[in-house]
């Protein structure tokens, strides 16, 4: 990754990557317990993440110095033969990477169902590049036929007894240098894992550029359901309804005034939604140059700036948008399109630098 922070703790939209992965697993109601193996020096940071983002059903164990030793520690926490264990042994255990935040319930269900039938199962994806084997002197020795091979991904699932007994039998060399859990189940448990075709979003955040890709995906996902508040009153012919038509395929629009905006913001704070993501609220106002003086309207909207500073502390990004429109139909449509572009950009980018600003279309 090339950054001082362990990649699972790198922030995306100011929230640690591992928190997104935990949320993806917590959404699955049939997952009873989630065990996180974390190094001793990061234990307090992990506890802080769990507390801040109100994660549930999480237990922490100390990680080992290698991947397999960490997994073994996690399995021990779930085993019935461990003293003072607060967890119960599951029938099936899922092993997943902290840096694969986009796992969906259907993939989890597929590997768990396959593991119950076959003893072990794992998600796989087609190889992107051809794998070659070099000789000792750096020359090509041979290449693999790409169509016949797959990349092993996560999640993987096992009957608990199968994988736990495999780890109990495996050698120090396996624990030190191995990476493939399915291979341990085959080598020590004689269980041939069922391979399940995984989805493209199972990719692993590995390089620094992957953080930007993950942020882009998260922004795209959380920009689907939006509420915009406009001072359209109840006038069916109000120009705000034309904006609503432009945005209707992307956004839900509610007519209101600034007092209603404040009530909505209070509801957002109480819902804890902004704990997980920055919530964008855009208060849209319209100025008909024939009826209201521009300076007067701006003065009425200055209250947004001060209020925005308060709600920013709770991860709510409040902006104002003033659509100053003429009566000419062509120019009106141009102003509305520009306003719609500003709205969708604010929602997608979630730029905290624009909090409290009054933008004009």
Protein backbone atom coordinates (compact mmCIF):
# COMPACT_ATOMS: atom_id res chain seq x y z
CA UNK A 1 0.00 0.00 0.00
CA UNK A 2 2.91 2.35 0.67
CA UNK A 3 1.17 4.24 3.49
CA UNK A 4 2.00 4.26 7.23
CA UNK A 5 -1.54 3.23 8.25
CA UNK A 6 -2.45 -0.48 7.90
CA UNK A 7 -4.71 -0.65 4.86
CA UNK A 8 -7.73 -1.97 6.79
CA UNK A 9 -7.67 1.27 8.82
CA UNK A 10 -7.19 3.63 5.86
CA UNK A 11 -10.06 6.16 5.72
CA UNK A 12 -12.61 6.25 2.92
CA UNK A 13 -14.96 9.22 3.25
CA UNK A 14 -13.34 9.72 6.69
CA UNK A 15 -14.36 6.20 7.82
CA UNK A 16 -11.96 3.23 8.19
CA UNK A 17 -12.12 0.61 5.44
CA UNK A 18 -12.70 -2.25 7.89
CA UNK A 19 -15.88 -0.57 9.13
CA UNK A 20 -17.44 -0.95 5.68
CA UNK A 21 -16.56 -4.65 5.67
CA UNK A 22 -18.06 -5.16 9.13
CA UNK A 23 -21.22 -3.37 8.03
CA UNK A 24 -21.53 -5.67 5.00
CA UNK A 25 -21.41 -8.71 7.31
CA UNK A 26 -23.67 -7.20 9.98
CA UNK A 27 -26.41 -6.69 7.41
CA UNK A 28 -26.67 -10.50 7.10
CA UNK A 29 -29.05 -11.47 9.90
CA UNK A 30 -28.10 -15.17 9.88
CA UNK A 31 -24.44 -14.44 10.72
CA UNK A 32 -24.42 -14.88 14.49
CA UNK A 33 -20.94 -13.72 15.50
CA UNK A 34 -18.12 -11.80 13.81
CA UNK A 35 -14.59 -12.38 15.08
CA UNK A 36 -11.88 -9.89 14.09
CA UNK A 37 -8.23 -10.86 14.44
CA UNK A 38 -6.29 -7.66 15.11
CA UNK A 39 -2.69 -7.02 16.14
CA UNK A 40 -2.02 -5.97 19.71
CA UNK A 41 -0.84 -2.48 18.76
CA UNK A 42 -4.09 -1.85 16.87
CA UNK A 43 -6.45 -3.37 19.44
CA UNK A 44 -7.49 -0.06 21.00
CA UNK A 45 -8.00 1.51 17.57
CA UNK A 46 -10.27 -1.39 16.61
CA UNK A 47 -12.28 -1.04 19.82
CA UNK A 48 -12.69 2.65 19.03
CA UNK A 49 -14.00 1.88 15.54
CA UNK A 50 -16.54 -0.59 16.93
CA UNK A 51 -17.74 1.96 19.47
CA UNK A 52 -17.86 4.94 17.11
CA UNK A 53 -19.74 3.17 14.33
CA UNK A 54 -21.91 1.12 16.69
CA UNK A 55 -20.94 -2.25 15.23
CA UNK A 56 -22.73 -5.23 16.71
CA UNK A 57 -21.91 -8.93 17.29
CA UNK A 58 -18.15 -8.23 17.13
CA UNK A 59 -15.51 -10.08 19.17
CA UNK A 60 -11.80 -9.32 19.01
CA UNK A 61 -8.89 -11.74 19.21
CA UNK A 62 -5.22 -10.99 18.93
CA UNK A 63 -3.82 -11.66 15.48
CA UNK A 64 -0.82 -13.86 14.79
CA UNK A 65 2.28 -12.85 12.88
CA UNK A 66 0.99 -14.52 9.68
CA UNK A 67 -2.35 -14.88 7.96
CA UNK A 68 -2.86 -18.52 8.93
CA UNK A 69 -1.89 -17.89 12.56
CA UNK A 70 -4.45 -15.08 12.72
CA UNK A 71 -7.16 -17.31 11.30
CA UNK A 72 -6.23 -20.08 13.75
CA UNK A 73 -6.60 -17.63 16.65
CA UNK A 74 -10.02 -16.65 15.36
CA UNK A 75 -11.11 -20.28 15.08
CA UNK A 76 -9.89 -20.99 18.61
CA UNK A 77 -12.18 -18.23 19.89
CA UNK A 78 -15.14 -20.08 18.38
CA UNK A 79 -14.13 -23.58 19.51
CA UNK A 80 -15.95 -25.24 22.40
CA UNK A 81 -12.72 -26.56 23.89
CA UNK A 82 -11.45 -23.11 24.83
CA UNK A 83 -11.86 -21.99 28.48
CA UNK A 84 -13.87 -18.86 29.26
CA UNK A 85 -15.08 -18.54 25.68
CA UNK A 86 -18.17 -16.36 25.35
CA UNK A 87 -18.85 -17.57 21.82
CA UNK A 88 -20.56 -20.77 20.74
CA UNK A 89 -19.16 -23.09 18.10
CA UNK A 90 -20.91 -22.59 14.77
CA UNK A 91 -21.87 -25.28 12.30
CA UNK A 92 -20.32 -23.28 9.47
CA UNK A 93 -17.64 -20.60 9.67
CA UNK A 94 -16.94 -17.95 7.01
CA UNK A 95 -13.40 -16.62 6.54
CA UNK A 96 -13.19 -13.20 4.92
CA UNK A 97 -10.64 -10.42 4.38
CA UNK A 98 -11.03 -7.09 6.18
CA UNK A 99 -10.14 -5.28 2.94
CA UNK A 100 -12.92 -6.75 0.78
CA UNK A 101 -15.76 -4.38 1.76
CA UNK A 102 -18.19 -5.06 -1.08
CA UNK A 103 -19.18 -8.66 -0.35
CA UNK A 104 -22.90 -9.22 -0.85
CA UNK A 105 -25.25 -11.54 1.01
CA UNK A 106 -25.97 -13.72 -2.03
CA UNK A 107 -22.28 -14.68 -2.36
CA UNK A 108 -22.05 -15.39 1.36
CA UNK A 109 -25.13 -17.58 1.15
CA UNK A 110 -23.77 -19.50 -1.83
CA UNK A 111 -20.47 -20.39 -0.14
CA UNK A 112 -22.19 -21.29 3.15
CA UNK A 113 -24.73 -23.52 1.39
CA UNK A 114 -21.96 -25.22 -0.59
CA UNK A 115 -19.84 -25.68 2.55
CA UNK A 116 -22.71 -27.37 4.38
CA UNK A 117 -22.98 -29.87 1.52
CA UNK A 118 -19.31 -30.37 0.62
CA UNK A 119 -17.46 -29.42 3.81
CA UNK A 120 -15.65 -26.44 2.25
CA UNK A 121 -16.34 -23.83 -0.41
CA UNK A 122 -14.74 -20.69 -1.77
CA UNK A 123 -15.45 -17.89 -4.19
CA UNK A 124 -13.37 -17.83 -7.37
CA UNK A 125 -12.99 -15.45 -10.29
CA UNK A 126 -11.57 -15.86 -13.81
CA UNK A 127 -7.91 -14.99 -14.19
CA UNK A 128 -7.31 -11.58 -15.71
CA UNK A 129 -3.70 -12.22 -16.72
CA UNK A 130 -1.95 -15.36 -17.86
CA UNK A 131 0.18 -16.99 -15.14
CA UNK A 132 3.72 -17.96 -16.18
CA UNK A 133 6.44 -19.92 -14.40
CA UNK A 134 10.02 -18.60 -14.77
CA UNK A 135 13.11 -20.79 -14.65
CA UNK A 136 15.96 -20.25 -12.18
CA UNK A 137 17.83 -18.07 -14.70
CA UNK A 138 14.84 -15.80 -15.31
CA UNK A 139 13.63 -17.37 -18.55
CA UNK A 140 10.14 -18.58 -19.33
CA UNK A 141 9.71 -22.16 -18.19
CA UNK A 142 6.02 -22.64 -18.97
CA UNK A 143 2.67 -20.85 -18.82
CA UNK A 144 -0.73 -21.98 -17.55
CA UNK A 145 -3.76 -22.22 -19.78
CA UNK A 146 -5.75 -19.32 -18.37
CA UNK A 147 -9.19 -20.72 -19.19
CA UNK A 148 -8.54 -23.80 -17.04
CA UNK A 149 -7.56 -21.88 -13.90
CA UNK A 150 -9.26 -19.50 -11.47
CA UNK A 151 -8.20 -16.87 -8.96
CA UNK A 152 -9.10 -17.81 -5.39
CA UNK A 153 -11.01 -15.02 -3.66
CA UNK A 154 -12.87 -14.49 -0.39
CA UNK A 155 -15.27 -15.29 1.22
CA UNK A 156 -14.61 -18.94 1.95
CA UNK A 157 -16.79 -21.13 4.17
CA UNK A 158 -16.20 -24.41 5.99
CA UNK A 159 -17.88 -26.84 8.28
CA UNK A 160 -16.28 -25.66 11.48
CA UNK A 161 -14.91 -29.04 12.51
CA UNK A 162 -13.30 -29.52 9.07
CA UNK A 163 -11.26 -26.32 9.09
CA UNK A 164 -10.51 -26.28 12.83
CA UNK A 165 -9.15 -29.81 12.79
CA UNK A 166 -7.11 -28.97 9.68
CA UNK A 167 -5.48 -26.05 11.50
CA UNK A 168 -4.79 -28.22 14.51
CA UNK A 169 -2.90 -30.68 12.30
CA UNK A 170 -1.06 -28.32 9.97
CA UNK A 171 2.67 -27.81 10.24
CA UNK A 172 4.58 -24.73 11.36
CA UNK A 173 5.64 -24.30 7.74
CA UNK A 174 1.97 -24.10 6.69
CA UNK A 175 1.19 -21.60 9.43
CA UNK A 176 4.20 -19.50 8.54
CA UNK A 177 4.09 -19.44 4.74
CA UNK A 178 0.68 -20.69 3.63
CA UNK A 179 -2.14 -18.45 2.38
CA UNK A 180 -4.85 -20.79 1.01
CA UNK A 181 -7.38 -22.11 3.55
CA UNK A 182 -9.05 -24.39 0.99
CA UNK A 183 -5.72 -26.15 0.50
CA UNK A 184 -5.46 -26.87 4.24
CA UNK A 185 -8.95 -28.42 4.22
CA UNK A 186 -7.86 -30.63 1.32
CA UNK A 187 -4.43 -31.52 2.70
CA UNK A 188 -5.43 -32.31 6.28
CA UNK A 189 -9.18 -32.88 6.11
CA UNK A 190 -9.29 -34.60 2.69
CA UNK A 191 -12.16 -32.28 1.76
CA UNK A 192 -12.41 -31.13 -1.86
CA UNK A 193 -13.86 -27.64 -1.70
CA UNK A 194 -16.74 -26.62 -3.92
CA UNK A 195 -15.77 -23.59 -6.00
CA UNK A 196 -18.42 -20.89 -6.35
CA UNK A 197 -18.27 -18.24 -9.07
CA UNK A 198 -17.91 -14.91 -7.32
CA UNK A 199 -19.00 -11.46 -8.43
CA UNK A 200 -16.60 -8.77 -9.75
CA UNK A 201 -16.99 -6.71 -6.55
CA UNK A 202 -15.08 -9.24 -4.45
CA UNK A 203 -11.78 -7.56 -5.30
CA UNK A 204 -9.31 -6.82 -2.55
CA UNK A 205 -8.00 -3.36 -1.66
CA UNK A 206 -4.27 -3.96 -2.14
CA UNK A 207 -2.65 -0.86 -3.65
CA UNK A 208 -3.06 2.80 -2.86
CA UNK A 209 -5.00 3.36 -6.08
CA UNK A 210 -7.55 0.78 -4.87
CA UNK A 211 -8.55 3.18 -2.09
CA UNK A 212 -9.68 5.71 -4.71
CA UNK A 213 -11.56 2.99 -6.60
CA UNK A 214 -13.28 1.87 -3.38
CA UNK A 215 -14.24 5.46 -2.58
CA UNK A 216 -15.73 5.87 -6.05
CA UNK A 217 -17.83 2.71 -5.64
CA UNK A 218 -19.07 3.78 -2.21
CA UNK A 219 -19.99 7.24 -3.48
CA UNK A 220 -21.90 5.69 -6.35
CA UNK A 221 -23.84 3.37 -4.05
CA UNK A 222 -24.83 5.96 -1.48
CA UNK A 223 -25.88 8.54 -4.09
CA UNK A 224 -28.94 6.59 -5.19
CA UNK A 225 -31.51 7.72 -2.62
CA UNK A 226 -31.57 11.44 -1.97
CA UNK A 227 -34.05 13.96 -0.64
CA UNK A 228 -33.87 17.60 -1.78
CA UNK A 229 -35.85 20.31 0.01
CA UNK A 230 -37.23 23.17 -2.07
CA UNK A 231 -39.33 26.23 -1.25
CA UNK A 232 -41.92 25.38 -3.92
CA UNK A 233 -44.83 25.78 -1.49
CA UNK A 234 -47.90 24.03 -2.88
CA UNK A 235 -47.96 25.80 -6.22
CA UNK A 236 -48.29 23.08 -8.89
CA UNK A 237 -46.93 25.46 -11.51
CA UNK A 238 -43.90 26.47 -9.47
CA UNK A 239 -40.62 26.33 -11.34
CA UNK A 240 -39.29 23.90 -8.71
CA UNK A 241 -41.46 21.15 -10.15
CA UNK A 242 -39.60 21.51 -13.44
CA UNK A 243 -36.37 20.82 -11.54
CA UNK A 244 -38.07 17.86 -9.92
CA UNK A 245 -38.85 16.46 -13.36
CA UNK A 246 -35.23 16.75 -14.43
CA UNK A 247 -34.08 14.93 -11.30
CA UNK A 248 -36.89 12.42 -10.89
CA UNK A 249 -34.89 9.47 -12.20
CA UNK A 250 -32.21 10.02 -9.57
CA UNK A 251 -33.70 11.81 -6.57
CA UNK A 252 -36.70 12.16 -4.30
CA UNK A 253 -37.70 15.81 -3.92
CA UNK A 254 -39.73 17.26 -1.07
CA UNK A 255 -41.27 20.73 -1.03
CA UNK A 256 -40.53 22.69 2.12
CA UNK A 257 -38.95 25.72 3.76
CA UNK A 258 -35.94 26.25 6.01
CA UNK A 259 -37.83 25.30 9.17
CA UNK A 260 -38.67 21.98 7.53
CA UNK A 261 -35.01 21.64 6.59
CA UNK A 262 -34.08 22.02 10.25
CA UNK A 263 -36.60 19.38 11.26
CA UNK A 264 -35.21 16.99 8.65
CA UNK A 265 -31.67 17.58 9.88
CA UNK A 266 -32.76 16.85 13.44
CA UNK A 267 -34.29 13.58 12.25
CA UNK A 268 -31.06 12.68 10.45
CA UNK A 269 -29.06 13.29 13.61
CA UNK A 270 -31.39 11.08 15.64
CA UNK A 271 -31.29 8.29 13.05
CA UNK A 272 -27.47 7.94 13.31
CA UNK A 273 -27.36 7.59 9.51
CA UNK A 274 -24.55 10.14 9.34
CA UNK A 275 -22.36 7.94 11.55
CA UNK A 276 -21.71 5.73 8.55
CA UNK A 277 -21.59 8.19 5.66
CA UNK A 278 -21.48 11.95 5.13
CA UNK A 279 -25.10 12.91 4.45
CA UNK A 280 -25.64 15.67 1.90
CA UNK A 281 -28.64 17.97 2.34
CA UNK A 282 -29.25 20.64 -0.28
CA UNK A 283 -31.74 23.38 0.39
CA UNK A 284 -32.89 24.73 -2.97
CA UNK A 285 -34.40 28.21 -3.34
CA UNK A 286 -35.78 29.95 -6.41
CA UNK A 287 -35.60 33.64 -7.23
CA UNK A 288 -37.96 35.15 -9.73
CA UNK A 289 -36.21 38.40 -10.55
CA UNK A 290 -39.57 40.16 -11.04
CA UNK A 291 -40.95 39.42 -7.58
CA UNK A 292 -38.08 39.34 -5.07
CA UNK A 293 -34.95 41.42 -4.87
CA UNK A 294 -31.77 39.32 -5.12
CA UNK A 295 -30.10 40.88 -2.05
CA UNK A 296 -33.18 40.27 0.06
CA UNK A 297 -33.28 36.59 -0.89
CA UNK A 298 -29.59 36.12 -0.16
CA UNK A 299 -30.03 37.72 3.26
CA UNK A 300 -32.80 35.26 4.07
CA UNK A 301 -30.54 32.36 3.07
CA UNK A 302 -27.51 33.38 5.14
CA UNK A 303 -28.91 31.37 8.06
CA UNK A 304 -27.78 28.25 6.19
CA UNK A 305 -24.12 29.11 6.72
CA UNK A 306 -24.23 29.20 10.51
CA UNK A 307 -26.50 26.20 10.81
CA UNK A 308 -24.28 24.23 8.43
CA UNK A 309 -21.33 24.64 10.81
CA UNK A 310 -23.28 22.97 13.59
CA UNK A 311 -24.54 19.97 11.63
CA UNK A 312 -21.11 19.47 10.01
CA UNK A 313 -19.89 18.28 13.41
CA UNK A 314 -22.31 15.37 13.01
CA UNK A 315 -21.17 14.51 9.47
CA UNK A 316 -24.09 16.26 7.75
CA UNK A 317 -23.08 18.41 4.79
CA UNK A 318 -25.57 21.23 4.30
CA UNK A 319 -25.41 23.50 1.26
CA UNK A 320 -27.72 26.07 -0.26
CA UNK A 321 -28.58 26.38 -3.94
CA UNK A 322 -30.22 29.47 -5.39
CA UNK A 323 -31.68 29.16 -8.85
CA UNK A 324 -32.01 32.68 -10.23
CA UNK A 325 -34.22 32.35 -13.25
CA UNK A 326 -35.69 34.63 -15.91
CA UNK A 327 -39.08 34.07 -17.51
CA UNK A 328 -37.68 33.18 -20.91
CA UNK A 329 -38.37 29.44 -21.32
CA UNK A 330 -35.06 28.61 -22.97
CA UNK A 331 -33.02 30.41 -20.34
CA UNK A 332 -35.15 28.90 -17.58
CA UNK A 333 -34.43 25.37 -18.79
CA UNK A 334 -30.72 26.19 -18.95
CA UNK A 335 -30.77 27.42 -15.33
CA UNK A 336 -32.60 24.31 -14.18
CA UNK A 337 -30.19 21.99 -15.97
CA UNK A 338 -27.27 23.83 -14.39
CA UNK A 339 -28.95 23.51 -10.98
CA UNK A 340 -29.49 19.78 -11.52
CA UNK A 341 -25.82 19.36 -12.42
CA UNK A 342 -24.74 21.17 -9.24
CA UNK A 343 -27.06 19.00 -7.13
CA UNK A 344 -25.87 15.68 -8.54
CA UNK A 345 -22.22 16.76 -8.24
CA UNK A 346 -22.63 17.81 -4.61
CA UNK A 347 -24.28 14.50 -3.79
CA UNK A 348 -21.74 12.38 -5.62
CA UNK A 349 -18.58 14.14 -4.44
CA UNK A 350 -19.62 14.88 -0.83
CA UNK A 351 -17.09 17.70 -0.65
CA UNK A 352 -16.95 19.02 2.92
CA UNK A 353 -15.19 22.15 1.64
CA UNK A 354 -18.52 23.38 0.24
CA UNK A 355 -20.44 23.08 3.52
CA UNK A 356 -22.47 26.20 4.22
CA UNK A 357 -21.91 27.67 0.78
CA UNK A 358 -24.71 29.22 -1.21
CA UNK A 359 -24.26 28.18 -4.82
CA UNK A 360 -26.05 29.94 -7.66
CA UNK A 361 -27.36 28.51 -10.91
